[in-house]
């Protein structure tokens, strides 16, 4: 059986320490999680915040990275 992911030397999945992990962006006003994107941990170690359209609020609002 083949694995769909590779293991590091320690035996942990590589995706756990990936340089470009998938993150979820949630609206600051209504807290709905609207967007999924990737970010580079080396260039952006802090939480990401972007102005994007929220369909629930029907306006452009700030979206922050959630855990």
PDB file of N, CA and C in Angstrom:
ATOM      1  N   UNK A   1       0.839  -1.175   0.000  1.00  0.00           N
ATOM      2  CA  UNK A   1       0.000   0.000   0.000  1.00  0.00           C
ATOM      3  C   UNK A   1       0.883   1.238   0.000  1.00  0.00           C
ATOM      4  N   UNK A   2       0.605   2.179  -0.881  1.00  0.00           N
ATOM      5  CA  UNK A   2       1.392   3.397  -0.982  1.00  0.00           C
ATOM      6  C   UNK A   2       0.792   4.502  -0.128  1.00  0.00           C
ATOM      7  N   UNK A   3       1.659   5.293   0.481  1.00  0.00           N
ATOM      8  CA  UNK A   3       1.204   6.442   1.273  1.00  0.00           C
ATOM      9  C   UNK A   3       1.059   7.642   0.357  1.00  0.00           C
ATOM     10  N   UNK A   4       0.066   8.479   0.616  1.00  0.00           N
ATOM     11  CA  UNK A   4      -0.132   9.681  -0.194  1.00  0.00           C
ATOM     12  C   UNK A   4       0.716  10.838   0.321  1.00  0.00           C
ATOM     13  N   UNK A   5       1.415  10.649   1.431  1.00  0.00           N
ATOM     14  CA  UNK A   5       2.287  11.682   1.967  1.00  0.00           C
ATOM     15  C   UNK A   5       3.613  11.044   2.334  1.00  0.00           C
ATOM     16  N   UNK A   6       4.645  11.868   2.421  1.00  0.00           N
ATOM     17  CA  UNK A   6       5.949  11.340   2.778  1.00  0.00           C
ATOM     18  C   UNK A   6       6.252  11.663   4.236  1.00  0.00           C
ATOM     19  N   UNK A   7       7.144  10.889   4.825  1.00  0.00           N
ATOM     20  CA  UNK A   7       7.513  11.085   6.221  1.00  0.00           C
ATOM     21  C   UNK A   7       8.898  11.700   6.309  1.00  0.00           C
ATOM     22  N   UNK A   8       9.112  12.526   7.326  1.00  0.00           N
ATOM     23  CA  UNK A   8      10.427  13.111   7.551  1.00  0.00           C
ATOM     24  C   UNK A   8      11.291  12.096   8.286  1.00  0.00           C
ATOM     25  N   UNK A   9      12.511  12.495   8.629  1.00  0.00           N
ATOM     26  CA  UNK A   9      13.422  11.595   9.334  1.00  0.00           C
ATOM     27  C   UNK A   9      12.887  11.212  10.711  1.00  0.00           C
ATOM     28  N   UNK A  10      12.130  12.129  11.345  1.00  0.00           N
ATOM     29  CA  UNK A  10      11.570  11.853  12.667  1.00  0.00           C
ATOM     30  C   UNK A  10      10.340  10.961  12.597  1.00  0.00           C
ATOM     31  N   UNK A  11       9.773  10.786  11.406  1.00  0.00           N
ATOM     32  CA  UNK A  11       8.590   9.959  11.256  1.00  0.00           C
ATOM     33  C   UNK A  11       7.292  10.735  11.248  1.00  0.00           C
ATOM     34  N   UNK A  12       7.373  12.071  11.303  1.00  0.00           N
ATOM     35  CA  UNK A  12       6.164  12.895  11.251  1.00  0.00           C
ATOM     36  C   UNK A  12       5.836  13.217   9.805  1.00  0.00           C
ATOM     37  N   UNK A  13       4.574  13.416   9.484  1.00  0.00           N
ATOM     38  CA  UNK A  13       4.222  13.792   8.114  1.00  0.00           C
ATOM     39  C   UNK A  13       4.838  15.138   7.744  1.00  0.00           C
ATOM     40  N   UNK A  14       5.257  15.273   6.504  1.00  0.00           N
ATOM     41  CA  UNK A  14       5.904  16.497   6.043  1.00  0.00           C
ATOM     42  C   UNK A  14       4.917  17.657   6.039  1.00  0.00           C
ATOM     43  N   UNK A  15       3.645  17.403   5.817  1.00  0.00           N
ATOM     44  CA  UNK A  15       2.646  18.466   5.765  1.00  0.00           C
ATOM     45  C   UNK A  15       2.532  19.205   7.097  1.00  0.00           C
ATOM     46  N   UNK A  16       2.898  18.580   8.209  1.00  0.00           N
ATOM     47  CA  UNK A  16       2.808  19.234   9.515  1.00  0.00           C
ATOM     48  C   UNK A  16       3.814  20.365   9.640  1.00  0.00           C
ATOM     49  N   UNK A  17       4.945  20.259   8.963  1.00  0.00           N
ATOM     50  CA  UNK A  17       5.970  21.298   9.017  1.00  0.00           C
ATOM     51  C   UNK A  17       6.173  21.910   7.643  1.00  0.00           C
ATOM     52  N   UNK A  18       5.135  21.970   6.859  1.00  0.00           N
ATOM     53  CA  UNK A  18       5.209  22.478   5.499  1.00  0.00           C
ATOM     54  C   UNK A  18       5.513  23.973   5.503  1.00  0.00           C
ATOM     55  N   UNK A  19       6.295  24.437   4.529  1.00  0.00           N
ATOM     56  CA  UNK A  19       6.620  25.856   4.417  1.00  0.00           C
ATOM     57  C   UNK A  19       5.398  26.634   3.947  1.00  0.00           C
ATOM     58  N   UNK A  20       4.560  26.021   3.119  1.00  0.00           N
ATOM     59  CA  UNK A  20       3.351  26.678   2.609  1.00  0.00           C
ATOM     60  C   UNK A  20       2.100  25.924   3.067  1.00  0.00           C
ATOM     61  N   UNK A  21       1.672  26.117   4.310  1.00  0.00           N
ATOM     62  CA  UNK A  21       0.475  25.409   4.784  1.00  0.00           C
ATOM     63  C   UNK A  21      -0.804  26.061   4.284  1.00  0.00           C
ATOM     64  N   UNK A  22      -1.877  25.281   4.269  1.00  0.00           N
ATOM     65  CA  UNK A  22      -3.197  25.822   3.931  1.00  0.00           C
ATOM     66  C   UNK A  22      -3.735  26.544   5.150  1.00  0.00           C
ATOM     67  N   UNK A  23      -4.290  27.746   4.934  1.00  0.00           N
ATOM     68  CA  UNK A  23      -4.884  28.508   6.026  1.00  0.00           C
ATOM     69  C   UNK A  23      -6.310  28.884   5.652  1.00  0.00           C
ATOM     70  N   UNK A  24      -7.117  29.163   6.642  1.00  0.00           N
ATOM     71  CA  UNK A  24      -8.502  29.579   6.429  1.00  0.00           C
ATOM     72  C   UNK A  24      -8.640  31.027   6.850  1.00  0.00           C
ATOM     73  N   UNK A  25      -9.324  31.820   6.015  1.00  0.00           N
ATOM     74  CA  UNK A  25      -9.569  33.224   6.329  1.00  0.00           C
ATOM     75  C   UNK A  25     -11.019  33.378   6.765  1.00  0.00           C
ATOM     76  N   UNK A  26     -11.224  34.016   7.922  1.00  0.00           N
ATOM     77  CA  UNK A  26     -12.564  34.227   8.467  1.00  0.00           C
ATOM     78  C   UNK A  26     -12.861  35.715   8.529  1.00  0.00           C
ATOM     79  N   UNK A  27     -14.102  36.070   8.262  1.00  0.00           N
ATOM     80  CA  UNK A  27     -14.555  37.459   8.319  1.00  0.00           C
ATOM     81  C   UNK A  27     -14.472  37.957   9.763  1.00  0.00           C
ATOM     82  N   UNK A  28     -13.983  39.178   9.937  1.00  0.00           N
ATOM     83  CA  UNK A  28     -13.841  39.749  11.278  1.00  0.00           C
ATOM     84  C   UNK A  28     -15.204  40.096  11.867  1.00  0.00           C
ATOM     85  N   UNK A  29     -16.137  40.532  11.040  1.00  0.00           N
ATOM     86  CA  UNK A  29     -17.437  40.987  11.539  1.00  0.00           C
ATOM     87  C   UNK A  29     -18.394  39.833  11.855  1.00  0.00           C
ATOM     88  N   UNK A  30     -18.572  38.902  10.916  1.00  0.00           N
ATOM     89  CA  UNK A  30     -19.558  37.831  11.142  1.00  0.00           C
ATOM     90  C   UNK A  30     -18.913  36.487  11.496  1.00  0.00           C
ATOM     91  N   UNK A  31     -17.589  36.392  11.471  1.00  0.00           N
ATOM     92  CA  UNK A  31     -16.824  35.185  11.843  1.00  0.00           C
ATOM     93  C   UNK A  31     -17.024  33.997  10.903  1.00  0.00           C
ATOM     94  N   UNK A  32     -17.605  34.211   9.734  1.00  0.00           N
ATOM     95  CA  UNK A  32     -17.789  33.111   8.789  1.00  0.00           C
ATOM     96  C   UNK A  32     -16.479  32.844   8.056  1.00  0.00           C
ATOM     97  N   UNK A  33     -16.152  31.571   7.887  1.00  0.00           N
ATOM     98  CA  UNK A  33     -14.915  31.180   7.202  1.00  0.00           C
ATOM     99  C   UNK A  33     -15.205  31.073   5.713  1.00  0.00           C
ATOM    100  N   UNK A  34     -14.701  32.045   4.953  1.00  0.00           N
ATOM    101  CA  UNK A  34     -15.060  32.159   3.546  1.00  0.00           C
ATOM    102  C   UNK A  34     -13.984  31.698   2.573  1.00  0.00           C
ATOM    103  N   UNK A  35     -12.713  31.810   2.931  1.00  0.00           N
ATOM    104  CA  UNK A  35     -11.642  31.566   1.974  1.00  0.00           C
ATOM    105  C   UNK A  35     -10.605  30.607   2.538  1.00  0.00           C
ATOM    106  N   UNK A  36     -10.032  29.793   1.647  1.00  0.00           N
ATOM    107  CA  UNK A  36      -8.908  28.921   1.973  1.00  0.00           C
ATOM    108  C   UNK A  36      -7.787  29.287   1.016  1.00  0.00           C
ATOM    109  N   UNK A  37      -6.593  29.502   1.554  1.00  0.00           N
ATOM    110  CA  UNK A  37      -5.452  29.879   0.730  1.00  0.00           C
ATOM    111  C   UNK A  37      -4.184  29.307   1.348  1.00  0.00           C
ATOM    112  N   UNK A  38      -3.060  29.543   0.715  1.00  0.00           N
ATOM    113  CA  UNK A  38      -1.769  29.116   1.232  1.00  0.00           C
ATOM    114  C   UNK A  38      -0.928  30.342   1.531  1.00  0.00           C
ATOM    115  N   UNK A  39      -0.025  30.209   2.503  1.00  0.00           N
ATOM    116  CA  UNK A  39       0.894  31.299   2.785  1.00  0.00           C
ATOM    117  C   UNK A  39       2.272  30.721   3.054  1.00  0.00           C
ATOM    118  N   UNK A  40       3.286  31.547   2.853  1.00  0.00           N
ATOM    119  CA  UNK A  40       4.658  31.151   3.105  1.00  0.00           C
ATOM    120  C   UNK A  40       5.003  31.525   4.541  1.00  0.00           C
ATOM    121  N   UNK A  41       5.344  30.548   5.366  1.00  0.00           N
ATOM    122  CA  UNK A  41       5.649  30.806   6.776  1.00  0.00           C
ATOM    123  C   UNK A  41       6.909  31.645   6.954  1.00  0.00           C
ATOM    124  N   UNK A  42       7.861  31.518   6.067  1.00  0.00           N
ATOM    125  CA  UNK A  42       9.109  32.278   6.205  1.00  0.00           C
ATOM    126  C   UNK A  42       8.898  33.755   5.915  1.00  0.00           C
ATOM    127  N   UNK A  43       8.084  34.079   4.912  1.00  0.00           N
ATOM    128  CA  UNK A  43       7.841  35.478   4.560  1.00  0.00           C
ATOM    129  C   UNK A  43       6.781  36.120   5.442  1.00  0.00           C
ATOM    130  N   UNK A  44       5.789  35.357   5.878  1.00  0.00           N
ATOM    131  CA  UNK A  44       4.678  35.876   6.684  1.00  0.00           C
ATOM    132  C   UNK A  44       4.520  35.048   7.958  1.00  0.00           C
ATOM    133  N   UNK A  45       5.382  35.249   8.956  1.00  0.00           N
ATOM    134  CA  UNK A  45       5.251  34.448  10.175  1.00  0.00           C
ATOM    135  C   UNK A  45       4.043  34.839  11.023  1.00  0.00           C
ATOM    136  N   UNK A  46       3.579  36.099  10.896  1.00  0.00           N
ATOM    137  CA  UNK A  46       2.427  36.563  11.669  1.00  0.00           C
ATOM    138  C   UNK A  46       1.135  36.119  10.996  1.00  0.00           C
ATOM    139  N   UNK A  47       0.026  36.381  11.673  1.00  0.00           N
ATOM    140  CA  UNK A  47      -1.278  36.043  11.104  1.00  0.00           C
ATOM    141  C   UNK A  47      -1.590  36.953   9.927  1.00  0.00           C
ATOM    142  N   UNK A  48      -2.143  36.367   8.888  1.00  0.00           N
ATOM    143  CA  UNK A  48      -2.475  37.086   7.671  1.00  0.00           C
ATOM    144  C   UNK A  48      -3.812  37.795   7.824  1.00  0.00           C
ATOM    145  N   UNK A  49      -3.909  39.029   7.285  1.00  0.00           N
ATOM    146  CA  UNK A  49      -5.170  39.762   7.273  1.00  0.00           C
ATOM    147  C   UNK A  49      -5.316  40.430   5.917  1.00  0.00           C
ATOM    148  N   UNK A  50      -6.456  40.195   5.266  1.00  0.00           N
ATOM    149  CA  UNK A  50      -6.713  40.738   3.931  1.00  0.00           C
ATOM    150  C   UNK A  50      -8.129  41.291   3.878  1.00  0.00           C
ATOM    151  N   UNK A  51      -8.348  42.283   2.989  1.00  0.00           N
ATOM    152  CA  UNK A  51      -9.696  42.790   2.739  1.00  0.00           C
ATOM    153  C   UNK A  51     -10.266  41.968   1.596  1.00  0.00           C
ATOM    154  N   UNK A  52     -11.362  41.236   1.877  1.00  0.00           N
ATOM    155  CA  UNK A  52     -12.001  40.403   0.866  1.00  0.00           C
ATOM    156  C   UNK A  52     -13.514  40.546   0.988  1.00  0.00           C
ATOM    157  N   UNK A  53     -14.199  40.088  -0.046  1.00  0.00           N
ATOM    158  CA  UNK A  53     -15.659  40.181  -0.050  1.00  0.00           C
ATOM    159  C   UNK A  53     -16.260  39.067   0.796  1.00  0.00           C
ATOM    160  N   UNK A  54     -17.170  39.430   1.676  1.00  0.00           N
ATOM    161  CA  UNK A  54     -17.901  38.457   2.488  1.00  0.00           C
ATOM    162  C   UNK A  54     -19.320  38.361   1.943  1.00  0.00           C
ATOM    163  N   UNK A  55     -19.735  37.185   1.448  1.00  0.00           N
ATOM    164  CA  UNK A  55     -21.089  37.057   0.907  1.00  0.00           C
ATOM    165  C   UNK A  55     -22.181  37.196   1.971  1.00  0.00           C
ATOM    166  N   UNK A  56     -21.875  36.858   3.201  1.00  0.00           N
ATOM    167  CA  UNK A  56     -22.873  36.971   4.270  1.00  0.00           C
ATOM    168  C   UNK A  56     -23.107  38.436   4.661  1.00  0.00           C
ATOM    169  N   UNK A  57     -22.016  39.222   4.756  1.00  0.00           N
ATOM    170  CA  UNK A  57     -22.133  40.654   5.072  1.00  0.00           C
ATOM    171  C   UNK A  57     -22.462  41.471   3.825  1.00  0.00           C
ATOM    172  N   UNK A  58     -22.212  40.897   2.661  1.00  0.00           N
ATOM    173  CA  UNK A  58     -22.414  41.538   1.364  1.00  0.00           C
ATOM    174  C   UNK A  58     -21.609  42.834   1.234  1.00  0.00           C
ATOM    175  N   UNK A  59     -20.360  42.799   1.727  1.00  0.00           N
ATOM    176  CA  UNK A  59     -19.464  43.949   1.602  1.00  0.00           C
ATOM    177  C   UNK A  59     -18.020  43.472   1.744  1.00  0.00           C
ATOM    178  N   UNK A  60     -17.081  44.361   1.427  1.00  0.00           N
ATOM    179  CA  UNK A  60     -15.672  44.055   1.600  1.00  0.00           C
ATOM    180  C   UNK A  60     -15.305  44.296   3.060  1.00  0.00           C
ATOM    181  N   UNK A  61     -14.825  43.254   3.714  1.00  0.00           N
ATOM    182  CA  UNK A  61     -14.448  43.346   5.119  1.00  0.00           C
ATOM    183  C   UNK A  61     -13.078  42.722   5.307  1.00  0.00           C
ATOM    184  N   UNK A  62     -12.491  42.938   6.470  1.00  0.00           N
ATOM    185  CA  UNK A  62     -11.208  42.324   6.796  1.00  0.00           C
ATOM    186  C   UNK A  62     -11.425  40.842   7.101  1.00  0.00           C
ATOM    187  N   UNK A  63     -10.546  40.014   6.569  1.00  0.00           N
ATOM    188  CA  UNK A  63     -10.562  38.575   6.837  1.00  0.00           C
ATOM    189  C   UNK A  63      -9.225  38.221   7.471  1.00  0.00           C
ATOM    190  N   UNK A  64      -9.261  37.544   8.618  1.00  0.00           N
ATOM    191  CA  UNK A  64      -8.049  37.156   9.328  1.00  0.00           C
ATOM    192  C   UNK A  64      -7.851  35.655   9.267  1.00  0.00           C
ATOM    193  N   UNK A  65      -6.591  35.271   9.387  1.00  0.00           N
ATOM    194  CA  UNK A  65      -6.228  33.857   9.412  1.00  0.00           C
ATOM    195  C   UNK A  65      -6.734  33.218  10.704  1.00  0.00           C
ATOM    196  N   UNK A  66      -7.356  32.057  10.574  1.00  0.00           N
ATOM    197  CA  UNK A  66      -7.814  31.313  11.747  1.00  0.00           C
ATOM    198  C   UNK A  66      -6.972  30.068  11.908  1.00  0.00           C
ATOM    199  N   UNK A  67      -7.014  29.494  13.090  1.00  0.00           N
ATOM    200  CA  UNK A  67      -6.226  28.288  13.333  1.00  0.00           C
ATOM    201  C   UNK A  67      -7.028  27.048  13.032  1.00  0.00           C
TER     202      UNK A  67
END
